[in-house]
Amino acid sequence: MIALTGGVAAGKSAVARGFEALGIHVYDADVAARDVVTPNSAALAEIEFTFGAEVLQADGSLDRRALRERVFADADARRQLEQIIHPRVRAWLRRRVGMDRGAYCILAIPLLVENRDQYDWVDRVLLVDAPEAARTQRLMTRDGVSRKHAGQMLAAQSTRAQRLAIADDVIVNDGEETALDAQVAALHARYLQLATAKMPPPTRPR
């Protein structure tokens, strides 16, 4: 399995869509993080116990904005939240991998650098890399934030050097989204070769 990562606004979603168009299943850690905190889940109950009922909405679901505000400037609170969410996200992803019957699959994990030791079971790491200037402009356009706020969002994440240090493969996203297709197709062919090489030889008929 391939772990797909990259900084905010690097283009991970576009790359993931490219692999999906080629028939590869993509399992997203962000989707997992939402799925594990649905109403009546054990994770949501633990979040309420830890942070109080003010992080819940009137219908009992998680108030994500209130929770973000609660942990944004509090490192201890953020670590508490991660201890609740991250193990469940990893378990969610491993279940999907276990059920996947494709030649290989993709795990989209934005915070892979920060949690690399918890994902030592992935086969390769694919990094989507993009210049800081391009990422800043994409954030300003996509999220409607100021250049200063966009810079703060980039600074809050791992550095480009840290991401490159764990990458086995790199897709450079410094232009139009359509330019990613050739890079995705080339890696897809490579991953199919690697997956085939790992498969046991067919059993000879007796």
Protein backbone atom coordinates (compact mmCIF):
# COMPACT_ATOMS: atom_id res chain seq x y z
CA MET A 1 0.00 0.00 0.00
CA ILE A 2 1.08 3.57 -0.72
CA ALA A 3 0.83 6.42 1.79
CA LEU A 4 0.00 9.69 0.01
CA THR A 5 0.97 12.87 1.82
CA GLY A 6 1.88 16.52 1.29
CA GLY A 7 1.52 19.93 2.84
CA VAL A 8 -1.70 21.89 2.84
CA ALA A 9 -2.73 22.98 -0.68
CA ALA A 10 0.00 20.87 -2.28
CA GLY A 11 -2.53 18.99 -4.41
CA LYS A 12 -3.07 15.70 -2.59
CA SER A 13 -6.75 15.55 -3.50
CA ALA A 14 -6.02 16.06 -7.20
CA VAL A 15 -3.44 13.28 -7.15
CA ALA A 16 -5.84 11.00 -5.27
CA ARG A 17 -8.51 11.63 -7.92
CA GLY A 18 -5.96 10.70 -10.58
CA PHE A 19 -5.33 7.32 -8.99
CA GLU A 20 -9.05 6.74 -8.49
CA ALA A 21 -9.60 7.41 -12.19
CA LEU A 22 -7.20 4.53 -12.85
CA GLY A 23 -9.27 2.20 -10.67
CA ILE A 24 -7.20 2.44 -7.49
CA HIS A 25 -9.02 2.74 -4.16
CA VAL A 26 -8.04 5.71 -2.00
CA TYR A 27 -8.73 5.62 1.74
CA ASP A 28 -8.56 9.06 3.33
CA ALA A 29 -7.49 9.69 6.92
CA ASP A 30 -9.68 12.83 6.98
CA VAL A 31 -12.72 10.73 6.07
CA ALA A 32 -11.72 8.25 8.77
CA ALA A 33 -11.40 11.06 11.32
CA ARG A 34 -14.98 12.12 10.62
CA ASP A 35 -16.29 8.57 10.59
CA VAL A 36 -14.88 7.61 13.98
CA VAL A 37 -16.61 10.51 15.79
CA THR A 38 -20.16 9.96 14.62
CA PRO A 39 -22.92 10.31 17.25
CA ASN A 40 -22.96 7.53 19.85
CA SER A 41 -19.41 6.47 18.97
CA ALA A 42 -16.87 5.70 21.68
CA ALA A 43 -14.54 8.40 20.37
CA LEU A 44 -17.20 11.09 20.58
CA ALA A 45 -18.07 10.05 24.13
CA GLU A 46 -14.40 10.31 25.07
CA ILE A 47 -14.14 13.74 23.44
CA GLU A 48 -17.15 14.97 25.39
CA PHE A 49 -15.71 13.59 28.62
CA THR A 50 -12.33 15.26 27.95
CA PHE A 51 -13.41 18.63 26.56
CA GLY A 52 -16.95 19.11 27.83
CA ALA A 53 -20.40 19.24 26.28
CA GLU A 54 -19.63 22.61 24.68
CA VAL A 55 -17.84 20.81 21.83
CA LEU A 56 -21.11 19.09 20.86
CA GLN A 57 -23.93 20.52 18.80
CA ALA A 58 -27.55 20.47 19.90
CA ASP A 59 -28.20 17.20 18.03
CA GLY A 60 -25.33 15.48 19.82
CA SER A 61 -22.91 15.54 16.89
CA LEU A 62 -19.41 17.00 17.10
CA ASP A 63 -19.08 20.76 16.78
CA ARG A 64 -15.85 20.74 14.78
CA ARG A 65 -15.41 24.50 14.86
CA ALA A 66 -15.76 24.65 18.65
CA LEU A 67 -13.31 21.77 19.03
CA ARG A 68 -10.78 23.40 16.69
CA GLU A 69 -10.98 26.62 18.68
CA ARG A 70 -10.53 24.64 21.90
CA VAL A 71 -7.34 22.88 20.81
CA PHE A 72 -5.82 25.40 18.36
CA ALA A 73 -3.71 27.33 20.85
CA ASP A 74 -3.42 24.60 23.48
CA ALA A 75 -0.74 22.01 22.71
CA ASP A 76 -1.76 19.77 25.60
CA ALA A 77 -5.39 19.75 24.49
CA ARG A 78 -4.34 19.01 20.93
CA ARG A 79 -2.28 16.04 22.10
CA GLN A 80 -5.24 14.76 24.12
CA LEU A 81 -7.43 14.97 21.04
CA GLU A 82 -4.83 13.19 18.90
CA GLN A 83 -4.59 10.38 21.45
CA ILE A 84 -8.34 9.86 21.08
CA ILE A 85 -8.58 10.17 17.30
CA HIS A 86 -5.34 8.89 15.76
CA PRO A 87 -5.41 5.25 16.97
CA ARG A 88 -8.97 4.91 15.72
CA VAL A 89 -8.08 6.45 12.36
CA ARG A 90 -5.21 4.00 11.95
CA ALA A 91 -7.50 1.09 12.80
CA TRP A 92 -10.09 2.38 10.28
CA LEU A 93 -7.44 2.56 7.56
CA ARG A 94 -6.05 -0.88 8.34
CA ARG A 95 -9.52 -2.40 8.10
CA ARG A 96 -9.97 -0.87 4.65
CA VAL A 97 -6.57 -2.10 3.52
CA GLY A 98 -7.39 -5.57 4.80
CA MET A 99 -10.58 -5.66 2.74
CA ASP A 100 -9.07 -4.15 -0.42
CA ARG A 101 -8.58 -6.63 -3.26
CA GLY A 102 -6.84 -4.38 -5.76
CA ALA A 103 -3.21 -4.70 -6.86
CA TYR A 104 -2.45 -1.90 -4.40
CA CYS A 105 -4.28 0.91 -2.65
CA ILE A 106 -3.60 4.48 -1.54
CA LEU A 107 -3.84 5.84 2.01
CA ALA A 108 -4.18 9.63 2.02
CA ILE A 109 -2.53 10.76 5.27
CA PRO A 110 -1.93 14.54 5.53
CA LEU A 111 -0.02 14.35 8.85
CA LEU A 112 2.20 11.42 7.93
CA VAL A 113 5.46 13.17 8.88
CA GLU A 114 4.18 13.83 12.37
CA ASN A 115 3.05 10.20 12.76
CA ARG A 116 5.46 8.25 10.54
CA ASP A 117 6.39 5.75 13.25
CA GLN A 118 2.72 4.76 13.55
CA TYR A 119 2.56 3.91 9.84
CA ASP A 120 5.61 1.69 9.51
CA TRP A 121 3.32 -0.90 7.90
CA VAL A 122 2.93 1.05 4.62
CA ASP A 123 5.08 -0.05 1.70
CA ARG A 124 5.97 3.31 0.19
CA VAL A 125 5.42 7.03 0.75
CA LEU A 126 4.32 9.26 -2.12
CA LEU A 127 4.79 12.97 -1.54
CA VAL A 128 2.94 15.67 -3.47
CA ASP A 129 5.36 18.58 -3.48
CA ALA A 130 4.61 22.15 -4.50
CA PRO A 131 6.44 25.48 -4.13
CA GLU A 132 5.42 27.55 -1.13
CA ALA A 133 4.35 30.45 -3.34
CA ALA A 134 1.95 28.21 -5.26
CA ARG A 135 0.51 26.72 -2.07
CA THR A 136 0.04 30.19 -0.58
CA GLN A 137 -1.86 31.37 -3.65
CA ARG A 138 -4.03 28.25 -3.69
CA LEU A 139 -4.95 28.75 -0.04
CA MET A 140 -5.85 32.38 -0.64
CA THR A 141 -8.03 31.43 -3.61
CA ARG A 142 -9.55 28.27 -2.16
CA ASP A 143 -10.19 29.39 1.41
CA GLY A 144 -10.47 33.15 0.93
CA VAL A 145 -7.78 33.84 3.54
CA SER A 146 -5.21 36.61 3.64
CA ARG A 147 -1.60 36.04 2.59
CA LYS A 148 -0.58 36.36 6.24
CA HIS A 149 -3.09 33.72 7.37
CA ALA A 150 -2.03 31.41 4.54
CA GLY A 151 1.57 31.78 5.66
CA GLN A 152 0.62 30.89 9.21
CA MET A 153 -1.17 27.76 7.98
CA LEU A 154 1.93 26.66 6.09
CA ALA A 155 4.22 27.41 9.03
CA ALA A 156 2.10 25.29 11.38
CA GLN A 157 2.89 22.12 9.41
CA SER A 158 6.01 20.05 8.94
CA THR A 159 8.69 21.50 6.69
CA ARG A 160 9.28 20.60 3.06
CA ALA A 161 12.62 19.06 4.04
CA GLN A 162 10.92 16.83 6.62
CA ARG A 163 8.40 15.62 4.06
CA LEU A 164 11.05 14.94 1.42
CA ALA A 165 13.08 12.97 3.97
CA ILE A 166 10.38 10.29 4.29
CA ALA A 167 9.33 10.17 0.62
CA ASP A 168 10.04 7.24 -1.66
CA ASP A 169 8.35 8.93 -4.62
CA VAL A 170 7.59 12.58 -5.37
CA ILE A 171 5.00 14.20 -7.62
CA VAL A 172 5.76 17.85 -8.35
CA ASN A 173 2.61 19.97 -8.58
CA ASP A 174 3.81 23.37 -9.72
CA GLY A 175 1.41 23.96 -12.62
CA GLU A 176 -2.03 23.09 -13.87
CA GLU A 177 -3.86 20.11 -12.39
CA THR A 178 -3.97 18.37 -15.77
CA ALA A 179 -0.17 18.22 -15.71
CA LEU A 180 -0.42 15.69 -12.88
CA ASP A 181 -1.95 13.01 -15.09
CA ALA A 182 1.32 11.87 -16.67
CA GLN A 183 3.09 11.67 -13.31
CA VAL A 184 0.23 9.70 -11.78
CA ALA A 185 0.12 7.32 -14.77
CA ALA A 186 3.87 6.69 -14.57
CA LEU A 187 3.72 5.92 -10.86
CA HIS A 188 0.65 3.74 -11.35
CA ALA A 189 2.60 1.60 -13.82
CA ARG A 190 5.51 1.41 -11.39
CA TYR A 191 3.29 0.44 -8.47
CA LEU A 192 1.63 -2.29 -10.53
CA GLN A 193 5.08 -3.70 -11.29
CA LEU A 194 6.02 -3.65 -7.61
CA ALA A 195 2.73 -5.23 -6.59
CA THR A 196 3.16 -8.00 -9.16
CA ALA A 197 6.72 -8.66 -7.96
CA LYS A 198 5.45 -9.17 -4.42
CA MET A 199 2.82 -11.68 -5.44
CA PRO A 200 3.64 -15.37 -4.83
CA PRO A 201 4.11 -17.51 -7.96
CA PRO A 202 1.04 -19.44 -9.13
CA THR A 203 0.67 -22.93 -7.72
CA ARG A 204 1.37 -25.63 -10.27
CA PRO A 205 -1.50 -28.07 -10.83
CA ARG A 206 -0.86 -31.51 -9.41
